[in-house]
Amino acid sequence: MSEGHVGDTDKDHGGAPERADAPAGSAGPTPKPGPRPGPRPGPRPRPHPGPTTQVPTPAVTPNPLPHTDPHRFGRIDTDGNVWLKTSSGERQIGSWQAGSVDEGLDHFGRRFDDLATEVEILEERLAARSGDPHKSQAAAKHLLETLTDAAVIGDVDALEKRLSAIVGAADEVADSLKAEREATRAAAIARKEELAAEAETIGAESTQWKPSGDRLRTILAEWKSIRGIDRKTDDVLWRRYAKARDAFNRRRGAHFAELDRVRAGAKARKEELIGQAEELSSSTDWAPTSARFRDLLTEWKAAGRAPRDADEALWQRFKAAQDVFFAARNAVASERDAEFTANGQAKLELLTHAEAVIDPAADLDAARREFRNFRDKWDEIGKVPREQMHSLENRARALEKRIRDAEDSQWQRTDPEAQARAAQFADRAAQLEDQARKAEERGKDRDAAKLREQAAQWQEWAQAAQSAITER
């Protein structure tokens, strides 16, 4: 058709053709391509507070139709009337005077594609469970109502079935979403109740201040991430958490206030101990002062910790006073140890010489004189190291014991009482021999034999006594 013919047609229709043949807002008689299907919006992500029970969703599967072949579903007759083919027969949907038949069919086919795109978007929204299913249902109903009069060429029967499926499934999707929201809400409430109960336990009982404070902050962070609870219920749960947190903060504040008070007392006590230690630091009364420093250290530990910024400085002062005293004591001890070491060496040499020259068996009087000289020099030398003391003293006592044993032996050899006992035994033996002889002269042989036995016994005793004296 020529442009002039299009103009005549406009005049025949009062200057305006039926608008079922062109998209609204066309500026001229030449049809413009309608909107083409583009990327479809996908479902928007929704946060879930926790595990929920998945509610079955009715199956509404987007099924994009291929590009419409308008020759299958419509035609344009010679008068420019546009006909749509459906399962119930043909119906006129408009007229076409703006171009060739193929152009007209393509135009109405594109309009069908646009309508199919709208249906596909509604299906995608419903399948993705995004948006309000009732709005999608209302849009599908509106499209169904206008479908019988729509100026489009395509598989309208299939499109009608798809729209009917959307209308039928929307209520089920809405119910499913409602059930899911309820499940999500129940899970969110349950989780916040758990968090509130945990916070209440911490607020009432915990004395682990640092980890418990961190845990309350972690609970708060999780709390803020949980959604889907109505305001009234959420406010009740929030008040439980806030009350527990406030209780914990009050107890923690009271604990640290008391700790500060105790540490202030500990600081004052440690300053007193430092004063005492500094007074003792110049003492040279080593043993009692050392014992007193041990007592001060025990009292220092019992005083407890002072404030952190002061405790280390206080200890350094106390330790410095100790160090002054013990450094002086150690210096004196070192000097004394050197003197004792020299004394030990001198005593060792003196003892070795005495052991070599003192021989009481050979000359007891000379041994006595040498030992007295040894003892005088020994005492004059003085103290020796503790580890040498016992060995040296044992050797000196052994030397002294040799002289004492020799003296005892000499005394026993010259003991008058021992000599008298030996003489008495011999005299008694002689008397018994004499009595035996007389008895034998009188003819008393048995008496004489007994007397001789007694005399032999006394003689044996006399010999033993004499041997003891001789062996001493």
Protein backbone atom coordinates (compact mmCIF):
# COMPACT_ATOMS: atom_id res chain seq x y z
CA MET A 1 0.00 0.00 0.00
CA SER A 2 1.21 3.50 -0.86
CA GLU A 3 1.44 6.40 1.55
CA GLY A 4 -1.26 8.19 -0.51
CA HIS A 5 -3.59 5.30 0.01
CA VAL A 6 -2.92 5.46 3.72
CA GLY A 7 -3.93 9.11 3.66
CA ASP A 8 -7.18 8.33 1.82
CA THR A 9 -7.93 5.65 4.34
CA ASP A 10 -7.48 8.19 7.14
CA LYS A 11 -10.01 10.47 5.50
CA ASP A 12 -12.48 7.60 4.98
CA HIS A 13 -12.32 6.96 8.76
CA GLY A 14 -12.70 10.54 9.77
CA GLY A 15 -8.97 11.25 9.86
CA ALA A 16 -8.14 8.52 12.42
CA PRO A 17 -7.82 4.76 11.80
CA GLU A 18 -8.89 2.17 14.38
CA ARG A 19 -6.11 2.14 16.95
CA ALA A 20 -6.12 -1.62 17.37
CA ASP A 21 -3.73 -1.65 14.41
CA ALA A 22 -0.87 0.43 15.92
CA PRO A 23 0.74 0.92 19.31
CA ALA A 24 -0.48 3.83 21.40
CA GLY A 25 1.45 7.06 20.93
CA SER A 26 2.50 6.38 17.31
CA ALA A 27 3.61 9.66 15.72
CA GLY A 28 2.87 8.65 12.07
CA PRO A 29 1.24 5.99 10.00
CA THR A 30 4.36 3.82 9.77
CA PRO A 31 4.31 1.26 12.63
CA LYS A 32 7.26 1.27 14.97
CA PRO A 33 8.72 -1.88 16.44
CA GLY A 34 7.23 -2.68 19.84
CA PRO A 35 9.35 -3.41 22.91
CA ARG A 36 11.38 -6.58 22.57
CA PRO A 37 11.81 -9.05 25.38
CA GLY A 38 14.95 -8.27 27.34
CA PRO A 39 16.61 -9.65 30.49
CA ARG A 40 14.03 -10.70 33.00
CA PRO A 41 14.33 -9.47 36.59
CA GLY A 42 15.24 -12.36 38.86
CA PRO A 43 14.11 -12.93 42.41
CA ARG A 44 15.47 -10.57 45.04
CA PRO A 45 17.33 -12.20 47.94
CA ARG A 46 15.59 -12.13 51.27
CA PRO A 47 17.32 -12.56 54.65
CA HIS A 48 16.51 -15.59 56.76
CA PRO A 49 17.16 -15.41 60.50
CA GLY A 50 17.80 -19.07 60.89
CA PRO A 51 16.68 -22.54 59.89
CA THR A 52 12.99 -22.68 59.03
CA THR A 53 10.56 -25.29 57.85
CA GLN A 54 10.36 -25.11 54.07
CA VAL A 55 6.74 -24.85 52.94
CA PRO A 56 5.97 -26.51 49.58
CA THR A 57 5.44 -24.01 46.77
CA PRO A 58 2.93 -24.61 43.97
CA ALA A 59 4.61 -25.28 40.65
CA VAL A 60 4.38 -22.22 38.41
CA THR A 61 7.23 -22.64 35.97
CA PRO A 62 8.06 -19.82 33.54
CA ASN A 63 7.85 -21.20 30.02
CA PRO A 64 8.95 -18.54 27.58
CA LEU A 65 7.29 -18.96 24.17
CA PRO A 66 9.42 -18.76 21.07
CA HIS A 67 9.09 -15.73 18.88
CA THR A 68 5.55 -15.79 17.53
CA ASP A 69 4.92 -16.90 13.96
CA PRO A 70 1.88 -14.69 13.24
CA HIS A 71 1.09 -16.60 10.03
CA ARG A 72 -0.01 -19.59 12.16
CA PHE A 73 -2.34 -17.64 14.40
CA GLY A 74 -3.73 -14.81 12.25
CA ARG A 75 -4.28 -13.23 8.87
CA ILE A 76 -5.10 -9.90 7.21
CA ASP A 77 -7.69 -9.94 4.49
CA THR A 78 -7.75 -7.79 1.36
CA ASP A 79 -9.80 -5.15 3.10
CA GLY A 80 -7.15 -4.75 5.79
CA ASN A 81 -9.17 -6.55 8.49
CA VAL A 82 -6.95 -8.34 11.03
CA TRP A 83 -8.13 -11.78 12.14
CA LEU A 84 -6.93 -13.92 15.11
CA LYS A 85 -7.16 -17.71 14.90
CA THR A 86 -8.14 -19.44 18.15
CA SER A 87 -9.46 -22.85 19.14
CA SER A 88 -12.99 -21.42 19.07
CA GLY A 89 -12.60 -19.92 15.62
CA GLU A 90 -11.49 -16.59 14.13
CA ARG A 91 -12.29 -13.18 15.44
CA GLN A 92 -11.46 -9.73 14.11
CA ILE A 93 -9.10 -7.78 16.33
CA GLY A 94 -8.57 -4.65 14.22
CA SER A 95 -7.52 -3.38 10.83
CA TRP A 96 -4.20 -2.73 9.12
CA GLN A 97 -3.65 -0.04 6.51
CA ALA A 98 -0.10 1.08 7.31
CA GLY A 99 1.96 -1.33 5.26
CA SER A 100 2.16 -4.77 3.72
CA VAL A 101 0.39 -7.84 5.09
CA ASP A 102 3.68 -9.30 6.40
CA GLU A 103 4.48 -6.04 8.13
CA GLY A 104 1.03 -6.04 9.71
CA LEU A 105 1.33 -9.64 10.88
CA ASP A 106 4.79 -8.93 12.33
CA HIS A 107 3.36 -5.89 14.11
CA PHE A 108 0.56 -7.81 15.79
CA GLY A 109 2.94 -10.71 16.48
CA ARG A 110 5.29 -8.35 18.29
CA ARG A 111 2.36 -7.08 20.34
CA PHE A 112 1.63 -10.69 21.31
CA ASP A 113 5.29 -11.19 22.23
CA ASP A 114 5.09 -8.14 24.49
CA LEU A 115 2.02 -9.56 26.17
CA ALA A 116 3.71 -12.96 26.54
CA THR A 117 6.67 -11.19 28.13
CA GLU A 118 4.36 -9.66 30.76
CA VAL A 119 2.95 -13.13 31.48
CA GLU A 120 6.42 -14.57 31.75
CA ILE A 121 7.45 -11.87 34.22
CA LEU A 122 4.40 -12.67 36.36
CA GLU A 123 5.30 -16.38 36.27
CA GLU A 124 8.87 -15.66 37.25
CA ARG A 125 7.78 -13.51 40.18
CA LEU A 126 5.42 -16.18 41.39
CA ALA A 127 7.97 -18.99 40.94
CA ALA A 128 10.65 -16.93 42.69
CA ARG A 129 8.19 -16.02 45.45
CA SER A 130 9.16 -12.38 45.15
CA GLY A 131 6.74 -9.52 45.54
CA ASP A 132 3.12 -9.85 46.54
CA PRO A 133 1.43 -12.91 44.97
CA HIS A 134 -1.94 -11.16 45.17
CA LYS A 135 -0.65 -8.31 43.02
CA SER A 136 0.60 -10.83 40.47
CA GLN A 137 -2.80 -12.50 40.65
CA ALA A 138 -4.61 -9.18 40.08
CA ALA A 139 -2.36 -8.39 37.12
CA ALA A 140 -3.03 -11.85 35.64
CA LYS A 141 -6.78 -11.40 36.08
CA HIS A 142 -6.62 -8.03 34.37
CA LEU A 143 -4.72 -9.54 31.43
CA LEU A 144 -7.25 -12.38 31.26
CA GLU A 145 -10.11 -9.88 31.14
CA THR A 146 -8.49 -7.91 28.32
CA LEU A 147 -7.19 -10.93 26.44
CA THR A 148 -10.44 -11.44 24.50
CA ASP A 149 -10.18 -7.91 23.11
CA ALA A 150 -6.40 -7.73 22.80
CA ALA A 151 -5.16 -6.70 19.35
CA VAL A 152 -2.45 -9.37 19.19
CA ILE A 153 -1.70 -12.36 16.99
CA GLY A 154 -0.24 -15.44 18.64
CA ASP A 155 -1.09 -18.55 20.65
CA VAL A 156 -3.71 -16.78 22.77
CA ASP A 157 -5.12 -20.11 23.98
CA ALA A 158 -1.77 -21.08 25.53
CA LEU A 159 -1.40 -17.61 26.99
CA GLU A 160 -4.86 -17.84 28.51
CA LYS A 161 -3.99 -21.17 30.14
CA ARG A 162 -0.81 -19.66 31.58
CA LEU A 163 -2.69 -16.68 32.98
CA SER A 164 -5.30 -18.99 34.49
CA ALA A 165 -2.52 -21.01 36.11
CA ILE A 166 -1.09 -17.83 37.62
CA VAL A 167 -4.49 -16.82 38.98
CA GLY A 168 -5.05 -20.29 40.44
CA ALA A 169 -1.58 -20.65 41.97
CA ALA A 170 -1.27 -17.17 43.44
CA ASP A 171 -3.40 -17.99 46.49
CA GLU A 172 -1.35 -21.11 47.18
CA VAL A 173 1.88 -19.16 46.81
CA ALA A 174 0.52 -16.48 49.14
CA ASP A 175 -0.42 -19.14 51.70
CA SER A 176 3.00 -20.74 51.30
CA LEU A 177 4.75 -17.41 51.80
CA LYS A 178 2.59 -16.70 54.81
CA ALA A 179 3.44 -20.08 56.33
CA GLU A 180 7.10 -19.52 55.61
CA ARG A 181 7.00 -16.08 57.19
CA GLU A 182 5.34 -17.59 60.24
CA ALA A 183 7.97 -20.30 60.43
CA THR A 184 10.69 -17.70 59.99
CA ARG A 185 9.08 -15.53 62.67
CA ALA A 186 8.83 -18.50 65.05
CA ALA A 187 12.49 -19.40 64.46
CA ALA A 188 13.54 -15.78 64.95
CA ILE A 189 11.56 -15.52 68.19
CA ALA A 190 12.98 -18.81 69.44
CA ARG A 191 16.52 -17.69 68.67
CA LYS A 192 16.08 -14.34 70.37
CA GLU A 193 14.56 -16.09 73.38
CA GLU A 194 17.67 -18.29 73.53
CA LEU A 195 19.91 -15.23 73.31
CA ALA A 196 17.87 -13.39 75.94
CA ALA A 197 18.05 -16.39 78.30
CA GLU A 198 21.80 -16.65 77.81
CA ALA A 199 22.18 -12.93 78.47
CA GLU A 200 20.08 -13.27 81.63
CA THR A 201 22.33 -16.07 82.90
CA ILE A 202 25.41 -13.95 82.22
CA GLY A 203 23.81 -10.90 83.81
CA ALA A 204 22.88 -12.80 86.99
CA GLU A 205 25.80 -15.17 87.50
CA SER A 206 28.94 -14.66 85.45
CA THR A 207 32.10 -13.27 87.01
CA GLN A 208 34.23 -13.82 83.91
CA TRP A 209 34.07 -10.13 83.13
CA LYS A 210 36.10 -9.92 79.93
CA PRO A 211 34.78 -13.01 78.06
CA SER A 212 31.23 -12.41 79.30
CA GLY A 213 31.31 -8.78 78.13
CA ASP A 214 32.57 -9.93 74.75
CA ARG A 215 29.80 -12.53 74.59
CA LEU A 216 27.12 -9.93 75.31
CA ARG A 217 28.44 -7.83 72.44
CA THR A 218 28.39 -10.88 70.16
CA ILE A 219 24.81 -11.59 71.20
CA LEU A 220 23.89 -7.98 70.35
CA ALA A 221 25.46 -8.27 66.89
CA GLU A 222 23.52 -11.47 66.19
CA TRP A 223 20.37 -9.92 67.65
CA LYS A 224 20.51 -7.07 65.16
CA SER A 225 20.81 -9.51 62.26
CA ILE A 226 17.59 -11.35 63.14
CA ARG A 227 14.51 -10.07 61.30
CA GLY A 228 10.90 -11.01 60.86
CA ILE A 229 9.51 -10.44 64.37
CA ASP A 230 6.61 -8.14 65.09
CA ARG A 231 7.45 -4.97 66.97
CA LYS A 232 5.56 -5.84 70.15
CA THR A 233 7.20 -9.25 70.61
CA ASP A 234 10.59 -7.88 69.64
CA ASP A 235 10.30 -5.07 72.21
CA VAL A 236 9.52 -7.57 74.99
CA LEU A 237 12.53 -9.71 74.08
CA TRP A 238 14.76 -6.66 73.73
CA ARG A 239 13.83 -5.47 77.21
CA ARG A 240 14.92 -8.85 78.60
CA TYR A 241 18.30 -8.59 76.89
CA ALA A 242 18.80 -4.95 77.85
CA LYS A 243 17.88 -5.66 81.48
CA ALA A 244 20.34 -8.58 81.64
CA ARG A 245 23.10 -6.49 80.07
CA ASP A 246 22.47 -3.65 82.54
CA ALA A 247 22.57 -6.11 85.47
CA PHE A 248 25.90 -7.49 84.26
CA ASN A 249 27.33 -3.99 83.81
CA ARG A 250 26.23 -3.00 87.32
CA ARG A 251 27.80 -6.08 88.88
CA ARG A 252 30.96 -5.62 86.87
CA GLY A 253 31.15 -1.95 87.84
CA ALA A 254 30.67 -2.82 91.52
CA HIS A 255 33.34 -5.52 91.28
CA PHE A 256 35.92 -3.19 89.79
CA ALA A 257 35.01 -0.41 92.21
CA GLU A 258 35.66 -2.80 95.09
CA LEU A 259 38.83 -3.97 93.38
CA ASP A 260 40.01 -0.37 93.08
CA ARG A 261 39.32 0.13 96.79
CA VAL A 262 41.23 -3.01 97.72
CA ARG A 263 44.12 -2.09 95.44
CA ALA A 264 44.30 1.37 96.94
CA GLY A 265 44.61 -0.28 100.37
CA ALA A 266 47.27 -2.62 99.01
CA LYS A 267 49.19 0.35 97.65
CA ALA A 268 49.15 2.09 101.04
CA ARG A 269 50.27 -1.10 102.80
CA LYS A 270 53.09 -1.70 100.33
CA GLU A 271 54.32 1.85 100.79
CA GLU A 272 54.55 1.15 104.55
CA LEU A 273 56.54 -2.02 103.87
CA ILE A 274 58.85 -0.11 101.54
CA GLY A 275 59.54 2.38 104.35
CA GLN A 276 60.47 -0.44 106.71
CA ALA A 277 62.66 -2.09 104.09
CA GLU A 278 64.50 1.14 103.38
CA GLU A 279 65.19 1.60 107.10
CA LEU A 280 66.62 -1.92 107.32
CA SER A 281 68.72 -1.63 104.16
CA SER A 282 71.74 -0.17 106.04
CA SER A 283 71.68 -2.70 108.90
CA THR A 284 74.76 -4.86 109.55
CA ASP A 285 72.97 -7.15 111.96
CA TRP A 286 72.89 -9.78 109.25
CA ALA A 287 70.94 -12.73 110.64
CA PRO A 288 68.05 -10.89 112.36
CA THR A 289 67.73 -8.43 109.47
CA SER A 290 67.66 -11.24 106.91
CA ALA A 291 64.86 -12.89 108.88
CA ARG A 292 62.97 -9.59 109.01
CA PHE A 293 63.29 -9.14 105.26
CA ARG A 294 61.76 -12.61 104.80
CA ASP A 295 58.85 -11.53 106.99
CA LEU A 296 58.44 -8.33 104.98
CA LEU A 297 58.31 -10.31 101.75
CA THR A 298 55.57 -12.54 103.20
CA GLU A 299 53.60 -9.46 104.22
CA TRP A 300 54.16 -7.96 100.76
CA LYS A 301 52.59 -10.99 99.07
CA ALA A 302 49.70 -10.97 101.53
CA ALA A 303 48.99 -7.29 100.82
CA GLY A 304 47.64 -8.12 97.35
CA ARG A 305 48.00 -6.20 94.09
CA ALA A 306 48.14 -2.44 93.94
CA PRO A 307 46.76 -0.54 90.91
CA ARG A 308 48.42 -1.81 87.74
CA ASP A 309 50.17 1.47 86.95
CA ALA A 310 51.77 1.58 90.42
CA ASP A 311 52.36 -2.04 91.44
CA GLU A 312 55.52 -2.62 89.41
CA ALA A 313 57.08 0.67 90.55
CA LEU A 314 56.33 -0.19 94.20
CA TRP A 315 57.95 -3.59 93.81
CA GLN A 316 61.07 -2.08 92.28
CA ARG A 317 61.42 0.24 95.31
CA PHE A 318 60.96 -2.62 97.75
CA LYS A 319 63.40 -4.83 95.83
CA ALA A 320 65.97 -2.02 95.67
CA ALA A 321 65.96 -1.75 99.48
CA GLN A 322 66.42 -5.53 99.74
CA ASP A 323 69.24 -5.46 97.21
CA VAL A 324 71.16 -2.82 99.18
CA PHE A 325 71.09 -4.93 102.34
CA PHE A 326 71.81 -8.28 100.71
CA ALA A 327 74.57 -6.84 98.53
CA ALA A 328 76.32 -5.56 101.66
CA ARG A 329 75.75 -8.86 103.45
CA ASN A 330 77.06 -10.82 100.48
CA ALA A 331 80.16 -8.64 100.28
CA VAL A 332 80.92 -9.32 103.93
CA ALA A 333 80.15 -13.01 103.41
CA SER A 334 82.52 -13.13 100.44
CA GLU A 335 85.31 -11.56 102.49
CA ARG A 336 84.61 -13.95 105.36
CA ASP A 337 84.55 -16.93 102.99
CA ALA A 338 87.97 -15.98 101.67
CA GLU A 339 89.31 -15.77 105.25
CA PHE A 340 87.70 -19.12 106.17
CA THR A 341 89.22 -20.76 103.10
CA ALA A 342 92.70 -19.61 104.13
CA ASN A 343 92.04 -20.83 107.69
CA GLY A 344 90.98 -24.21 106.36
CA GLN A 345 94.18 -24.57 104.40
CA ALA A 346 96.26 -23.57 107.44
CA LYS A 347 94.48 -26.07 109.71
CA LEU A 348 94.89 -28.82 107.14
CA GLU A 349 98.65 -28.23 106.99
CA LEU A 350 98.89 -28.02 110.83
CA LEU A 351 96.90 -31.23 111.26
CA THR A 352 98.96 -33.12 108.69
CA HIS A 353 102.19 -32.11 110.51
CA ALA A 354 100.77 -33.06 113.94
CA GLU A 355 99.62 -36.48 112.72
CA ALA A 356 103.16 -37.09 111.47
CA VAL A 357 105.10 -36.06 114.61
CA ILE A 358 102.81 -37.10 117.49
CA ASP A 359 103.44 -40.74 118.49
CA PRO A 360 102.14 -41.52 122.04
CA ALA A 361 103.22 -45.13 121.76
CA ALA A 362 106.83 -44.05 121.43
CA ASP A 363 106.87 -41.14 123.93
CA LEU A 364 103.65 -40.27 125.71
CA ASP A 365 104.96 -37.15 127.42
CA ALA A 366 106.39 -35.73 124.18
CA ALA A 367 103.10 -36.54 122.43
CA ARG A 368 101.22 -34.60 125.11
CA ARG A 369 103.47 -31.55 124.66
CA GLU A 370 103.12 -31.62 120.88
CA PHE A 371 99.34 -31.96 121.09
CA ARG A 372 99.05 -28.95 123.43
CA ASN A 373 101.05 -26.84 120.97
CA PHE A 374 98.86 -28.16 118.16
CA ARG A 375 95.67 -27.18 120.02
CA ASP A 376 96.91 -23.66 120.75
CA LYS A 377 97.76 -23.04 117.09
CA TRP A 378 94.50 -24.73 115.97
CA ASP A 379 92.32 -22.40 118.05
CA GLU A 380 94.37 -19.37 117.04
CA ILE A 381 93.75 -20.00 113.33
CA GLY A 382 89.96 -19.57 113.68
CA LYS A 383 86.93 -20.71 111.68
CA VAL A 384 87.01 -22.68 108.46
CA PRO A 385 84.42 -23.18 105.65
CA ARG A 386 81.40 -25.19 106.73
CA GLU A 387 82.10 -28.00 104.27
CA GLN A 388 85.60 -28.56 105.81
CA MET A 389 84.62 -28.19 109.44
CA HIS A 390 83.54 -31.77 110.20
CA SER A 391 86.36 -33.54 108.41
CA LEU A 392 89.06 -31.42 110.10
CA GLU A 393 87.49 -31.71 113.55
CA ASN A 394 87.11 -35.48 113.18
CA ARG A 395 90.82 -35.83 112.35
CA ALA A 396 91.79 -33.61 115.32
CA ARG A 397 89.59 -35.65 117.67
CA ALA A 398 91.10 -38.85 116.31
CA LEU A 399 94.61 -37.52 117.13
CA GLU A 400 93.50 -36.57 120.63
CA LYS A 401 91.91 -40.01 121.12
CA ARG A 402 95.23 -41.69 120.30
CA ILE A 403 96.91 -39.82 123.20
CA ARG A 404 93.99 -40.48 125.54
CA ASP A 405 94.01 -44.20 124.75
CA ALA A 406 97.76 -44.33 125.43
CA GLU A 407 97.24 -42.57 128.79
CA ASP A 408 94.49 -45.02 129.75
CA SER A 409 96.67 -47.96 128.84
CA GLN A 410 99.59 -46.64 130.95
CA TRP A 411 97.36 -46.00 133.92
CA GLN A 412 95.87 -49.45 133.78
CA ARG A 413 99.36 -50.99 133.76
CA THR A 414 100.29 -49.09 136.94
CA ASP A 415 96.93 -49.37 138.67
CA PRO A 416 97.56 -50.43 142.41
CA GLU A 417 94.15 -51.95 142.75
CA ALA A 418 94.73 -54.23 139.76
CA GLN A 419 98.09 -55.30 141.17
CA ALA A 420 96.50 -55.98 144.58
CA ARG A 421 93.77 -58.11 143.04
CA ALA A 422 96.33 -60.20 141.15
CA ALA A 423 98.35 -60.69 144.40
CA GLN A 424 95.22 -61.65 146.33
CA PHE A 425 94.36 -64.32 143.77
CA ALA A 426 97.91 -65.76 144.01
CA ASP A 427 97.90 -65.73 147.85
CA ARG A 428 94.55 -67.49 147.93
CA ALA A 429 95.83 -70.16 145.57
CA ALA A 430 98.87 -70.66 147.83
CA GLN A 431 96.69 -70.96 150.94
CA LEU A 432 94.51 -73.60 149.30
CA GLU A 433 97.63 -75.58 148.25
CA ASP A 434 98.90 -75.51 151.83
CA GLN A 435 95.54 -76.70 153.17
CA ALA A 436 95.49 -79.52 150.61
CA ARG A 437 98.95 -80.65 151.70
CA LYS A 438 97.92 -80.76 155.38
CA ALA A 439 94.72 -82.66 154.58
CA GLU A 440 96.72 -85.19 152.63
CA GLU A 441 99.10 -85.64 155.65
CA ARG A 442 96.08 -86.39 157.80
CA GLY A 443 94.89 -88.94 155.33
CA LYS A 444 91.98 -86.94 153.98
CA ASP A 445 92.65 -87.52 150.35
CA ARG A 446 89.21 -86.47 149.10
CA ASP A 447 89.39 -83.12 150.93
CA ALA A 448 92.91 -82.63 149.66
CA ALA A 449 91.74 -83.20 146.06
CA LYS A 450 88.95 -80.62 146.38
CA LEU A 451 91.30 -78.08 147.89
CA ARG A 452 93.79 -78.57 145.08
CA GLU A 453 91.00 -78.01 142.52
CA GLN A 454 90.09 -74.71 144.22
CA ALA A 455 93.75 -73.72 144.40
CA ALA A 456 94.09 -74.35 140.65
CA GLN A 457 91.07 -72.16 139.96
CA TRP A 458 92.46 -69.29 142.04
CA GLN A 459 95.82 -69.66 140.40
CA GLU A 460 94.18 -69.42 137.02
CA TRP A 461 92.44 -66.21 138.07
CA ALA A 462 95.68 -64.76 139.37
CA GLN A 463 97.40 -65.45 136.06
CA ALA A 464 94.54 -63.81 134.11
CA ALA A 465 94.70 -60.69 136.30
CA GLN A 466 98.44 -60.46 135.83
CA SER A 467 98.10 -60.90 132.07
CA ALA A 468 95.56 -58.08 131.90
CA ILE A 469 97.92 -55.73 133.68
CA THR A 470 100.80 -56.72 131.44
CA GLU A 471 98.84 -56.27 128.16
CA ARG A 472 97.68 -52.71 128.95
